């Protein structure tokens, strides 16, 4: 399998599942009031991520709804690792999202689609 297959399969996964936005842009996090979501954040219904919930998705401002990047996170407080899918995000938006996940006991890396 090559890199193109990976991104194509992520696109297919995103387009084959219903997207539930449970944290709209501008809303505050329930546990961390200082965290305001810079973009819509939700999950793919009918999927399973590392935490047992649906796979997390960030939605950016681009009109095309293709996967533009993924953020891989490690959370020492929760003792888990996850992948967050970025859909329709510009490179600047991806960097802002990365900052959200690089705070406290959480670390993350960004893998951008080329």
PDB file of N, CA and C in Angstrom:
ATOM      1  N   UNK A   1       0.852  -1.180   0.000  1.00  0.00           N
ATOM      2  CA  UNK A   1       0.000   0.000   0.000  1.00  0.00           C
ATOM      3  C   UNK A   1       0.895   1.241   0.000  1.00  0.00           C
ATOM      4  N   UNK A   2       0.500   2.244  -0.747  1.00  0.00           N
ATOM      5  CA  UNK A   2       1.259   3.491  -0.773  1.00  0.00           C
ATOM      6  C   UNK A   2       0.501   4.584  -0.023  1.00  0.00           C
ATOM      7  N   UNK A   3       1.122   5.762   0.103  1.00  0.00           N
ATOM      8  CA  UNK A   3       0.508   6.877   0.833  1.00  0.00           C
ATOM      9  C   UNK A   3      -0.849   7.264   0.263  1.00  0.00           C
ATOM     10  N   UNK A   4      -0.983   7.225  -1.071  1.00  0.00           N
ATOM     11  CA  UNK A   4      -2.254   7.585  -1.704  1.00  0.00           C
ATOM     12  C   UNK A   4      -3.388   6.690  -1.266  1.00  0.00           C
ATOM     13  N   UNK A   5      -3.096   5.405  -1.079  1.00  0.00           N
ATOM     14  CA  UNK A   5      -4.126   4.476  -0.604  1.00  0.00           C
ATOM     15  C   UNK A   5      -4.607   4.862   0.794  1.00  0.00           C
ATOM     16  N   UNK A   6      -3.671   5.246   1.658  1.00  0.00           N
ATOM     17  CA  UNK A   6      -4.012   5.648   3.025  1.00  0.00           C
ATOM     18  C   UNK A   6      -4.995   6.815   3.015  1.00  0.00           C
ATOM     19  N   UNK A   7      -4.651   7.878   2.282  1.00  0.00           N
ATOM     20  CA  UNK A   7      -5.497   9.074   2.251  1.00  0.00           C
ATOM     21  C   UNK A   7      -6.827   8.773   1.564  1.00  0.00           C
ATOM     22  N   UNK A   8      -6.805   7.982   0.501  1.00  0.00           N
ATOM     23  CA  UNK A   8      -8.041   7.623  -0.202  1.00  0.00           C
ATOM     24  C   UNK A   8      -8.969   6.838   0.731  1.00  0.00           C
ATOM     25  N   UNK A   9      -8.411   5.928   1.500  1.00  0.00           N
ATOM     26  CA  UNK A   9      -9.238   5.134   2.422  1.00  0.00           C
ATOM     27  C   UNK A   9      -9.792   6.001   3.554  1.00  0.00           C
ATOM     28  N   UNK A  10      -9.009   6.957   4.013  1.00  0.00           N
ATOM     29  CA  UNK A  10      -9.544   7.887   5.019  1.00  0.00           C
ATOM     30  C   UNK A  10     -10.690   8.698   4.435  1.00  0.00           C
ATOM     31  N   UNK A  11     -10.533   9.186   3.203  1.00  0.00           N
ATOM     32  CA  UNK A  11     -11.630   9.909   2.533  1.00  0.00           C
ATOM     33  C   UNK A  11     -12.877   9.031   2.466  1.00  0.00           C
ATOM     34  N   UNK A  12     -12.706   7.784   2.079  1.00  0.00           N
ATOM     35  CA  UNK A  12     -13.848   6.864   1.974  1.00  0.00           C
ATOM     36  C   UNK A  12     -14.505   6.649   3.329  1.00  0.00           C
ATOM     37  N   UNK A  13     -13.699   6.510   4.368  1.00  0.00           N
ATOM     38  CA  UNK A  13     -14.251   6.331   5.719  1.00  0.00           C
ATOM     39  C   UNK A  13     -15.073   7.546   6.131  1.00  0.00           C
ATOM     40  N   UNK A  14     -14.518   8.734   5.932  1.00  0.00           N
ATOM     41  CA  UNK A  14     -15.216   9.970   6.308  1.00  0.00           C
ATOM     42  C   UNK A  14     -16.528  10.097   5.542  1.00  0.00           C
ATOM     43  N   UNK A  15     -16.498   9.819   4.245  1.00  0.00           N
ATOM     44  CA  UNK A  15     -17.701   9.981   3.415  1.00  0.00           C
ATOM     45  C   UNK A  15     -18.737   8.879   3.620  1.00  0.00           C
ATOM     46  N   UNK A  16     -18.325   7.761   4.215  1.00  0.00           N
ATOM     47  CA  UNK A  16     -19.266   6.654   4.417  1.00  0.00           C
ATOM     48  C   UNK A  16     -19.930   6.681   5.793  1.00  0.00           C
ATOM     49  N   UNK A  17     -19.539   7.605   6.638  1.00  0.00           N
ATOM     50  CA  UNK A  17     -20.084   7.694   7.999  1.00  0.00           C
ATOM     51  C   UNK A  17     -20.765   9.037   8.214  1.00  0.00           C
ATOM     52  N   UNK A  18     -21.739   9.035   9.100  1.00  0.00           N
ATOM     53  CA  UNK A  18     -22.369  10.299   9.501  1.00  0.00           C
ATOM     54  C   UNK A  18     -21.431  11.024  10.458  1.00  0.00           C
ATOM     55  N   UNK A  19     -21.312  12.320  10.257  1.00  0.00           N
ATOM     56  CA  UNK A  19     -20.457  13.140  11.102  1.00  0.00           C
ATOM     57  C   UNK A  19     -21.317  13.854  12.133  1.00  0.00           C
ATOM     58  N   UNK A  20     -20.989  13.671  13.388  1.00  0.00           N
ATOM     59  CA  UNK A  20     -21.707  14.310  14.490  1.00  0.00           C
ATOM     60  C   UNK A  20     -20.817  15.397  15.076  1.00  0.00           C
ATOM     61  N   UNK A  21     -21.225  16.668  14.921  1.00  0.00           N
ATOM     62  CA  UNK A  21     -20.486  17.792  15.513  1.00  0.00           C
ATOM     63  C   UNK A  21     -21.052  17.997  16.922  1.00  0.00           C
ATOM     64  N   UNK A  22     -20.260  17.643  17.921  1.00  0.00           N
ATOM     65  CA  UNK A  22     -20.729  17.813  19.303  1.00  0.00           C
ATOM     66  C   UNK A  22     -20.043  18.968  20.023  1.00  0.00           C
ATOM     67  N   UNK A  23     -19.058  19.593  19.367  1.00  0.00           N
ATOM     68  CA  UNK A  23     -18.393  20.766  19.915  1.00  0.00           C
ATOM     69  C   UNK A  23     -18.222  21.786  18.787  1.00  0.00           C
ATOM     70  N   UNK A  24     -19.227  22.619  18.592  1.00  0.00           N
ATOM     71  CA  UNK A  24     -19.161  23.605  17.505  1.00  0.00           C
ATOM     72  C   UNK A  24     -18.061  24.641  17.717  1.00  0.00           C
ATOM     73  N   UNK A  25     -17.618  25.203  16.619  1.00  0.00           N
ATOM     74  CA  UNK A  25     -16.628  26.268  16.649  1.00  0.00           C
ATOM     75  C   UNK A  25     -17.062  27.352  17.639  1.00  0.00           C
ATOM     76  N   UNK A  26     -16.139  27.765  18.504  1.00  0.00           N
ATOM     77  CA  UNK A  26     -16.430  28.819  19.480  1.00  0.00           C
ATOM     78  C   UNK A  26     -16.949  28.321  20.815  1.00  0.00           C
ATOM     79  N   UNK A  27     -17.284  27.021  20.916  1.00  0.00           N
ATOM     80  CA  UNK A  27     -17.789  26.494  22.188  1.00  0.00           C
ATOM     81  C   UNK A  27     -16.620  26.169  23.120  1.00  0.00           C
ATOM     82  N   UNK A  28     -16.906  26.123  24.420  1.00  0.00           N
ATOM     83  CA  UNK A  28     -15.896  25.805  25.432  1.00  0.00           C
ATOM     84  C   UNK A  28     -15.967  24.335  25.797  1.00  0.00           C
ATOM     85  N   UNK A  29     -14.822  23.792  26.173  1.00  0.00           N
ATOM     86  CA  UNK A  29     -14.748  22.400  26.608  1.00  0.00           C
ATOM     87  C   UNK A  29     -15.390  22.262  27.983  1.00  0.00           C
ATOM     88  N   UNK A  30     -16.115  21.174  28.200  1.00  0.00           N
ATOM     89  CA  UNK A  30     -16.819  20.947  29.472  1.00  0.00           C
ATOM     90  C   UNK A  30     -15.852  20.809  30.647  1.00  0.00           C
ATOM     91  N   UNK A  31     -14.706  20.155  30.436  1.00  0.00           N
ATOM     92  CA  UNK A  31     -13.750  19.929  31.521  1.00  0.00           C
ATOM     93  C   UNK A  31     -12.719  21.039  31.656  1.00  0.00           C
ATOM     94  N   UNK A  32     -12.412  21.715  30.543  1.00  0.00           N
ATOM     95  CA  UNK A  32     -11.391  22.761  30.540  1.00  0.00           C
ATOM     96  C   UNK A  32     -11.996  24.023  29.936  1.00  0.00           C
ATOM     97  N   UNK A  33     -12.581  24.848  30.770  1.00  0.00           N
ATOM     98  CA  UNK A  33     -13.323  26.036  30.317  1.00  0.00           C
ATOM     99  C   UNK A  33     -12.456  26.992  29.503  1.00  0.00           C
ATOM    100  N   UNK A  34     -11.138  26.974  29.721  1.00  0.00           N
ATOM    101  CA  UNK A  34     -10.271  27.879  28.971  1.00  0.00           C
ATOM    102  C   UNK A  34     -10.059  27.414  27.523  1.00  0.00           C
ATOM    103  N   UNK A  35     -10.419  26.161  27.226  1.00  0.00           N
ATOM    104  CA  UNK A  35     -10.284  25.648  25.865  1.00  0.00           C
ATOM    105  C   UNK A  35     -11.523  25.997  25.055  1.00  0.00           C
ATOM    106  N   UNK A  36     -11.335  26.842  24.059  1.00  0.00           N
ATOM    107  CA  UNK A  36     -12.412  27.206  23.131  1.00  0.00           C
ATOM    108  C   UNK A  36     -12.072  26.564  21.800  1.00  0.00           C
ATOM    109  N   UNK A  37     -13.011  25.816  21.250  1.00  0.00           N
ATOM    110  CA  UNK A  37     -12.771  25.096  20.002  1.00  0.00           C
ATOM    111  C   UNK A  37     -12.676  26.080  18.836  1.00  0.00           C
ATOM    112  N   UNK A  38     -11.510  26.101  18.145  1.00  0.00           N
ATOM    113  CA  UNK A  38     -11.326  27.047  17.046  1.00  0.00           C
ATOM    114  C   UNK A  38     -12.084  26.652  15.775  1.00  0.00           C
ATOM    115  N   UNK A  39     -12.477  25.390  15.677  1.00  0.00           N
ATOM    116  CA  UNK A  39     -13.214  24.871  14.512  1.00  0.00           C
ATOM    117  C   UNK A  39     -14.188  23.814  15.004  1.00  0.00           C
ATOM    118  N   UNK A  40     -15.144  23.452  14.156  1.00  0.00           N
ATOM    119  CA  UNK A  40     -16.084  22.397  14.521  1.00  0.00           C
ATOM    120  C   UNK A  40     -15.317  21.103  14.799  1.00  0.00           C
ATOM    121  N   UNK A  41     -15.744  20.415  15.875  1.00  0.00           N
ATOM    122  CA  UNK A  41     -15.075  19.191  16.309  1.00  0.00           C
ATOM    123  C   UNK A  41     -16.153  18.170  16.629  1.00  0.00           C
ATOM    124  N   UNK A  42     -15.965  16.982  16.158  1.00  0.00           N
ATOM    125  CA  UNK A  42     -16.949  15.941  16.420  1.00  0.00           C
ATOM    126  C   UNK A  42     -16.355  14.572  16.164  1.00  0.00           C
ATOM    127  N   UNK A  43     -17.214  13.655  15.725  1.00  0.00           N
ATOM    128  CA  UNK A  43     -16.752  12.280  15.526  1.00  0.00           C
ATOM    129  C   UNK A  43     -17.561  11.611  14.423  1.00  0.00           C
ATOM    130  N   UNK A  44     -17.018  10.515  13.925  1.00  0.00           N
ATOM    131  CA  UNK A  44     -17.694   9.722  12.904  1.00  0.00           C
ATOM    132  C   UNK A  44     -18.532   8.655  13.599  1.00  0.00           C
ATOM    133  N   UNK A  45     -19.846   8.738  13.386  1.00  0.00           N
ATOM    134  CA  UNK A  45     -20.737   7.753  14.002  1.00  0.00           C
ATOM    135  C   UNK A  45     -20.466   6.366  13.413  1.00  0.00           C
ATOM    136  N   UNK A  46     -20.547   5.346  14.263  1.00  0.00           N
ATOM    137  CA  UNK A  46     -20.348   3.974  13.823  1.00  0.00           C
ATOM    138  C   UNK A  46     -18.896   3.573  13.679  1.00  0.00           C
ATOM    139  N   UNK A  47     -17.981   4.370  14.248  1.00  0.00           N
ATOM    140  CA  UNK A  47     -16.560   4.034  14.222  1.00  0.00           C
ATOM    141  C   UNK A  47     -16.057   3.904  15.650  1.00  0.00           C
ATOM    142  N   UNK A  48     -14.832   3.401  15.796  1.00  0.00           N
ATOM    143  CA  UNK A  48     -14.261   3.218  17.133  1.00  0.00           C
ATOM    144  C   UNK A  48     -12.811   3.678  17.133  1.00  0.00           C
ATOM    145  N   UNK A  49     -12.498   4.576  18.044  1.00  0.00           N
ATOM    146  CA  UNK A  49     -11.150   5.118  18.183  1.00  0.00           C
ATOM    147  C   UNK A  49     -10.463   4.479  19.384  1.00  0.00           C
ATOM    148  N   UNK A  50      -9.262   4.954  19.680  1.00  0.00           N
ATOM    149  CA  UNK A  50      -8.483   4.402  20.789  1.00  0.00           C
ATOM    150  C   UNK A  50      -9.157   4.516  22.136  1.00  0.00           C
ATOM    151  N   UNK A  51     -10.037   5.514  22.311  1.00  0.00           N
ATOM    152  CA  UNK A  51     -10.716   5.688  23.593  1.00  0.00           C
ATOM    153  C   UNK A  51     -12.061   4.956  23.645  1.00  0.00           C
ATOM    154  N   UNK A  52     -12.373   4.193  22.591  1.00  0.00           N
ATOM    155  CA  UNK A  52     -13.629   3.448  22.559  1.00  0.00           C
ATOM    156  C   UNK A  52     -14.797   4.235  21.980  1.00  0.00           C
ATOM    157  N   UNK A  53     -14.616   5.524  21.782  1.00  0.00           N
ATOM    158  CA  UNK A  53     -15.665   6.367  21.190  1.00  0.00           C
ATOM    159  C   UNK A  53     -15.418   6.472  19.686  1.00  0.00           C
ATOM    160  N   UNK A  54     -16.263   7.227  18.988  1.00  0.00           N
ATOM    161  CA  UNK A  54     -16.091   7.416  17.553  1.00  0.00           C
ATOM    162  C   UNK A  54     -14.802   8.153  17.226  1.00  0.00           C
ATOM    163  N   UNK A  55     -14.307   7.957  16.008  1.00  0.00           N
ATOM    164  CA  UNK A  55     -13.084   8.618  15.563  1.00  0.00           C
ATOM    165  C   UNK A  55     -13.329  10.125  15.496  1.00  0.00           C
ATOM    166  N   UNK A  56     -12.433  10.898  16.124  1.00  0.00           N
ATOM    167  CA  UNK A  56     -12.566  12.349  16.199  1.00  0.00           C
ATOM    168  C   UNK A  56     -12.242  13.006  14.866  1.00  0.00           C
ATOM    169  N   UNK A  57     -12.981  14.084  14.566  1.00  0.00           N
ATOM    170  CA  UNK A  57     -12.809  14.816  13.313  1.00  0.00           C
ATOM    171  C   UNK A  57     -12.870  16.316  13.583  1.00  0.00           C
ATOM    172  N   UNK A  58     -11.942  17.043  12.992  1.00  0.00           N
ATOM    173  CA  UNK A  58     -11.963  18.501  12.965  1.00  0.00           C
ATOM    174  C   UNK A  58     -12.400  18.918  11.572  1.00  0.00           C
ATOM    175  N   UNK A  59     -13.243  19.945  11.471  1.00  0.00           N
ATOM    176  CA  UNK A  59     -13.723  20.452  10.183  1.00  0.00           C
ATOM    177  C   UNK A  59     -13.205  21.872   9.986  1.00  0.00           C
ATOM    178  N   UNK A  60     -12.461  22.072   8.899  1.00  0.00           N
ATOM    179  CA  UNK A  60     -11.909  23.379   8.587  1.00  0.00           C
ATOM    180  C   UNK A  60     -12.803  24.167   7.648  1.00  0.00           C
ATOM    181  N   UNK A  61     -12.228  25.214   7.061  1.00  0.00           N
ATOM    182  CA  UNK A  61     -13.009  26.163   6.261  1.00  0.00           C
ATOM    183  C   UNK A  61     -13.040  25.865   4.765  1.00  0.00           C
ATOM    184  N   UNK A  62     -12.233  24.923   4.288  1.00  0.00           N
ATOM    185  CA  UNK A  62     -12.212  24.636   2.854  1.00  0.00           C
ATOM    186  C   UNK A  62     -13.533  23.999   2.416  1.00  0.00           C
ATOM    187  N   UNK A  63     -14.029  24.363   1.242  1.00  0.00           N
ATOM    188  CA  UNK A  63     -15.308  23.789   0.792  1.00  0.00           C
ATOM    189  C   UNK A  63     -15.209  22.308   0.438  1.00  0.00           C
ATOM    190  N   UNK A  64     -14.023  21.847   0.010  1.00  0.00           N
ATOM    191  CA  UNK A  64     -13.864  20.427  -0.287  1.00  0.00           C
ATOM    192  C   UNK A  64     -13.802  19.650   1.012  1.00  0.00           C
ATOM    193  N   UNK A  65     -14.557  18.597   1.090  1.00  0.00           N
ATOM    194  CA  UNK A  65     -14.598  17.789   2.318  1.00  0.00           C
ATOM    195  C   UNK A  65     -13.702  16.566   2.200  1.00  0.00           C
ATOM    196  N   UNK A  66     -12.425  16.819   1.855  1.00  0.00           N
ATOM    197  CA  UNK A  66     -11.453  15.744   1.799  1.00  0.00           C
ATOM    198  C   UNK A  66     -10.566  15.810   3.028  1.00  0.00           C
ATOM    199  N   UNK A  67      -9.968  14.681   3.358  1.00  0.00           N
ATOM    200  CA  UNK A  67      -9.050  14.626   4.492  1.00  0.00           C
ATOM    201  C   UNK A  67      -7.770  15.356   4.088  1.00  0.00           C
ATOM    202  N   UNK A  68      -7.385  16.333   4.885  1.00  0.00           N
ATOM    203  CA  UNK A  68      -6.199  17.126   4.585  1.00  0.00           C
ATOM    204  C   UNK A  68      -5.016  16.786   5.487  1.00  0.00           C
ATOM    205  N   UNK A  69      -5.295  16.163   6.641  1.00  0.00           N
ATOM    206  CA  UNK A  69      -4.226  15.817   7.587  1.00  0.00           C
ATOM    207  C   UNK A  69      -4.798  14.929   8.681  1.00  0.00           C
ATOM    208  N   UNK A  70      -3.914  14.406   9.493  1.00  0.00           N
ATOM    209  CA  UNK A  70      -4.308  13.741  10.731  1.00  0.00           C
ATOM    210  C   UNK A  70      -3.403  14.259  11.841  1.00  0.00           C
ATOM    211  N   UNK A  71      -3.928  14.276  13.038  1.00  0.00           N
ATOM    212  CA  UNK A  71      -3.150  14.603  14.223  1.00  0.00           C
ATOM    213  C   UNK A  71      -3.115  13.346  15.083  1.00  0.00           C
ATOM    214  N   UNK A  72      -1.914  12.905  15.420  1.00  0.00           N
ATOM    215  CA  UNK A  72      -1.733  11.746  16.300  1.00  0.00           C
ATOM    216  C   UNK A  72      -1.414  12.282  17.690  1.00  0.00           C
ATOM    217  N   UNK A  73      -2.193  11.856  18.677  1.00  0.00           N
ATOM    218  CA  UNK A  73      -2.039  12.383  20.032  1.00  0.00           C
ATOM    219  C   UNK A  73      -1.677  11.296  21.035  1.00  0.00           C
ATOM    220  N   UNK A  74      -0.990  11.724  22.078  1.00  0.00           N
ATOM    221  CA  UNK A  74      -0.724  10.891  23.250  1.00  0.00           C
ATOM    222  C   UNK A  74      -1.153  11.720  24.449  1.00  0.00           C
ATOM    223  N   UNK A  75      -2.019  11.154  25.273  1.00  0.00           N
ATOM    224  CA  UNK A  75      -2.524  11.850  26.458  1.00  0.00           C
ATOM    225  C   UNK A  75      -2.102  11.061  27.689  1.00  0.00           C
ATOM    226  N   UNK A  76      -1.159  11.605  28.446  1.00  0.00           N
ATOM    227  CA  UNK A  76      -0.645  10.902  29.624  1.00  0.00           C
ATOM    228  C   UNK A  76      -1.661  10.860  30.755  1.00  0.00           C
ATOM    229  N   UNK A  77      -2.544  11.851  30.840  1.00  0.00           N
ATOM    230  CA  UNK A  77      -3.570  11.848  31.880  1.00  0.00           C
ATOM    231  C   UNK A  77      -4.564  10.712  31.650  1.00  0.00           C
ATOM    232  N   UNK A  78      -5.040  10.590  30.406  1.00  0.00           N
ATOM    233  CA  UNK A  78      -5.984   9.517  30.061  1.00  0.00           C
ATOM    234  C   UNK A  78      -5.275   8.200  29.777  1.00  0.00           C
ATOM    235  N   UNK A  79      -3.960   8.267  29.572  1.00  0.00           N
ATOM    236  CA  UNK A  79      -3.142   7.102  29.225  1.00  0.00           C
ATOM    237  C   UNK A  79      -3.645   6.454  27.941  1.00  0.00           C
ATOM    238  N   UNK A  80      -3.842   7.300  26.907  1.00  0.00           N
ATOM    239  CA  UNK A  80      -4.271   6.772  25.613  1.00  0.00           C
ATOM    240  C   UNK A  80      -3.589   7.498  24.465  1.00  0.00           C
ATOM    241  N   UNK A  81      -3.765   6.945  23.297  1.00  0.00           N
ATOM    242  CA  UNK A  81      -3.274   7.556  22.062  1.00  0.00           C
ATOM    243  C   UNK A  81      -4.412   7.497  21.057  1.00  0.00           C
ATOM    244  N   UNK A  82      -4.530   8.532  20.246  1.00  0.00           N
ATOM    245  CA  UNK A  82      -5.622   8.613  19.274  1.00  0.00           C
ATOM    246  C   UNK A  82      -5.166   9.286  17.993  1.00  0.00           C
ATOM    247  N   UNK A  83      -5.971   9.096  16.958  1.00  0.00           N
ATOM    248  CA  UNK A  83      -5.800   9.804  15.697  1.00  0.00           C
ATOM    249  C   UNK A  83      -7.020  10.692  15.502  1.00  0.00           C
ATOM    250  N   UNK A  84      -6.791  11.947  15.188  1.00  0.00           N
ATOM    251  CA  UNK A  84      -7.855  12.906  14.881  1.00  0.00           C
ATOM    252  C   UNK A  84      -7.764  13.205  13.385  1.00  0.00           C
ATOM    253  N   UNK A  85      -8.879  13.121  12.679  1.00  0.00           N
ATOM    254  CA  UNK A  85      -8.898  13.366  11.245  1.00  0.00           C
ATOM    255  C   UNK A  85      -9.258  14.825  10.993  1.00  0.00           C
ATOM    256  N   UNK A  86      -8.484  15.489  10.144  1.00  0.00           N
ATOM    257  CA  UNK A  86      -8.755  16.876   9.770  1.00  0.00           C
ATOM    258  C   UNK A  86      -9.355  16.885   8.369  1.00  0.00           C
ATOM    259  N   UNK A  87     -10.532  17.472   8.245  1.00  0.00           N
ATOM    260  CA  UNK A  87     -11.257  17.506   6.971  1.00  0.00           C
ATOM    261  C   UNK A  87     -11.392  18.959   6.521  1.00  0.00           C
ATOM    262  N   UNK A  88     -10.961  19.235   5.305  1.00  0.00           N
ATOM    263  CA  UNK A  88     -11.116  20.579   4.753  1.00  0.00           C
ATOM    264  C   UNK A  88     -10.359  21.649   5.507  1.00  0.00           C
ATOM    265  N   UNK A  89      -9.193  21.317   6.051  1.00  0.00           N
ATOM    266  CA  UNK A  89      -8.415  22.282   6.829  1.00  0.00           C
ATOM    267  C   UNK A  89      -7.262  22.852   6.006  1.00  0.00           C
ATOM    268  N   UNK A  90      -7.070  24.154   6.102  1.00  0.00           N
ATOM    269  CA  UNK A  90      -5.907  24.788   5.495  1.00  0.00           C
ATOM    270  C   UNK A  90      -4.686  24.445   6.354  1.00  0.00           C
ATOM    271  N   UNK A  91      -3.473  24.648   5.832  1.00  0.00           N
ATOM    272  CA  UNK A  91      -2.282  24.417   6.656  1.00  0.00           C
ATOM    273  C   UNK A  91      -2.274  25.252   7.942  1.00  0.00           C
ATOM    274  N   UNK A  92      -2.753  26.494   7.877  1.00  0.00           N
ATOM    275  CA  UNK A  92      -2.813  27.340   9.075  1.00  0.00           C
ATOM    276  C   UNK A  92      -3.806  26.766  10.096  1.00  0.00           C
ATOM    277  N   UNK A  93      -4.957  26.323   9.621  1.00  0.00           N
ATOM    278  CA  UNK A  93      -5.945  25.712  10.522  1.00  0.00           C
ATOM    279  C   UNK A  93      -5.377  24.455  11.167  1.00  0.00           C
ATOM    280  N   UNK A  94      -4.655  23.661  10.385  1.00  0.00           N
ATOM    281  CA  UNK A  94      -4.044  22.441  10.918  1.00  0.00           C
ATOM    282  C   UNK A  94      -3.064  22.778  12.042  1.00  0.00           C
ATOM    283  N   UNK A  95      -2.301  23.844  11.875  1.00  0.00           N
ATOM    284  CA  UNK A  95      -1.361  24.255  12.917  1.00  0.00           C
ATOM    285  C   UNK A  95      -2.091  24.714  14.184  1.00  0.00           C
ATOM    286  N   UNK A  96      -3.199  25.425  14.022  1.00  0.00           N
ATOM    287  CA  UNK A  96      -3.995  25.854  15.183  1.00  0.00           C
ATOM    288  C   UNK A  96      -4.555  24.643  15.921  1.00  0.00           C
ATOM    289  N   UNK A  97      -5.022  23.658  15.175  1.00  0.00           N
ATOM    290  CA  UNK A  97      -5.557  22.430  15.783  1.00  0.00           C
ATOM    291  C   UNK A  97      -4.447  21.679  16.503  1.00  0.00           C
ATOM    292  N   UNK A  98      -3.268  21.619  15.900  1.00  0.00           N
ATOM    293  CA  UNK A  98      -2.132  20.957  16.540  1.00  0.00           C
ATOM    294  C   UNK A  98      -1.834  21.590  17.893  1.00  0.00           C
ATOM    295  N   UNK A  99      -1.892  22.921  17.979  1.00  0.00           N
ATOM    296  CA  UNK A  99      -1.644  23.615  19.249  1.00  0.00           C
ATOM    297  C   UNK A  99      -2.645  23.203  20.329  1.00  0.00           C
ATOM    298  N   UNK A 100      -3.897  22.975  19.931  1.00  0.00           N
ATOM    299  CA  UNK A 100      -4.912  22.531  20.894  1.00  0.00           C
ATOM    300  C   UNK A 100      -4.492  21.223  21.553  1.00  0.00           C
ATOM    301  N   UNK A 101      -3.864  20.350  20.773  1.00  0.00           N
ATOM    302  CA  UNK A 101      -3.503  19.024  21.270  1.00  0.00           C
ATOM    303  C   UNK A 101      -2.095  18.944  21.846  1.00  0.00           C
ATOM    304  N   UNK A 102      -1.366  20.047  21.846  1.00  0.00           N
ATOM    305  CA  UNK A 102      -0.031  20.099  22.442  1.00  0.00           C
ATOM    306  C   UNK A 102      -0.065  20.976  23.682  1.00  0.00           C
ATOM    307  N   UNK A 103      -0.819  20.543  24.672  1.00  0.00           N
ATOM    308  CA  UNK A 103      -0.910  21.304  25.917  1.00  0.00           C
ATOM    309  C   UNK A 103      -1.080  20.339  27.083  1.00  0.00           C
ATOM    310  N   UNK A 104      -0.708  20.805  28.253  1.00  0.00           N
ATOM    311  CA  UNK A 104      -0.853  19.980  29.451  1.00  0.00           C
ATOM    312  C   UNK A 104      -0.094  18.673  29.315  1.00  0.00           C
ATOM    313  N   UNK A 105      -0.764  17.580  29.608  1.00  0.00           N
ATOM    314  CA  UNK A 105      -0.155  16.255  29.538  1.00  0.00           C
ATOM    315  C   UNK A 105      -0.368  15.585  28.192  1.00  0.00           C
ATOM    316  N   UNK A 106      -0.796  16.375  27.204  1.00  0.00           N
ATOM    317  CA  UNK A 106      -1.063  15.836  25.878  1.00  0.00           C
ATOM    318  C   UNK A 106       0.014  16.334  24.907  1.00  0.00           C
ATOM    319  N   UNK A 107       0.472  15.445  24.040  1.00  0.00           N
ATOM    320  CA  UNK A 107       1.415  15.795  22.978  1.00  0.00           C
ATOM    321  C   UNK A 107       0.859  15.272  21.662  1.00  0.00           C
ATOM    322  N   UNK A 108       1.222  15.956  20.577  1.00  0.00           N
ATOM    323  CA  UNK A 108       0.688  15.562  19.283  1.00  0.00           C
ATOM    324  C   UNK A 108       1.666  15.881  18.164  1.00  0.00           C
ATOM    325  N   UNK A 109       1.485  15.158  17.043  1.00  0.00           N
ATOM    326  CA  UNK A 109       2.204  15.465  15.821  1.00  0.00           C
ATOM    327  C   UNK A 109       1.158  15.603  14.703  1.00  0.00           C
ATOM    328  N   UNK A 110       1.529  16.361  13.697  1.00  0.00           N
ATOM    329  CA  UNK A 110       0.666  16.589  12.545  1.00  0.00           C
ATOM    330  C   UNK A 110       1.253  15.868  11.338  1.00  0.00           C
ATOM    331  N   UNK A 111       0.414  15.101  10.645  1.00  0.00           N
ATOM    332  CA  UNK A 111       0.802  14.443   9.397  1.00  0.00           C
ATOM    333  C   UNK A 111      -0.104  15.017   8.310  1.00  0.00           C
ATOM    334  N   UNK A 112       0.503  15.808   7.412  1.00  0.00           N
ATOM    335  CA  UNK A 112      -0.276  16.475   6.380  1.00  0.00           C
ATOM    336  C   UNK A 112      -0.276  15.675   5.078  1.00  0.00           C
ATOM    337  N   UNK A 113      -1.370  15.736   4.383  1.00  0.00           N
ATOM    338  CA  UNK A 113      -1.499  15.072   3.090  1.00  0.00           C
ATOM    339  C   UNK A 113      -0.698  15.861   2.063  1.00  0.00           C
ATOM    340  N   UNK A 114       0.073  15.169   1.270  1.00  0.00           N
ATOM    341  CA  UNK A 114       0.867  15.858   0.247  1.00  0.00           C
ATOM    342  C   UNK A 114       0.357  15.546  -1.137  1.00  0.00           C
TER     343      UNK A 114
END
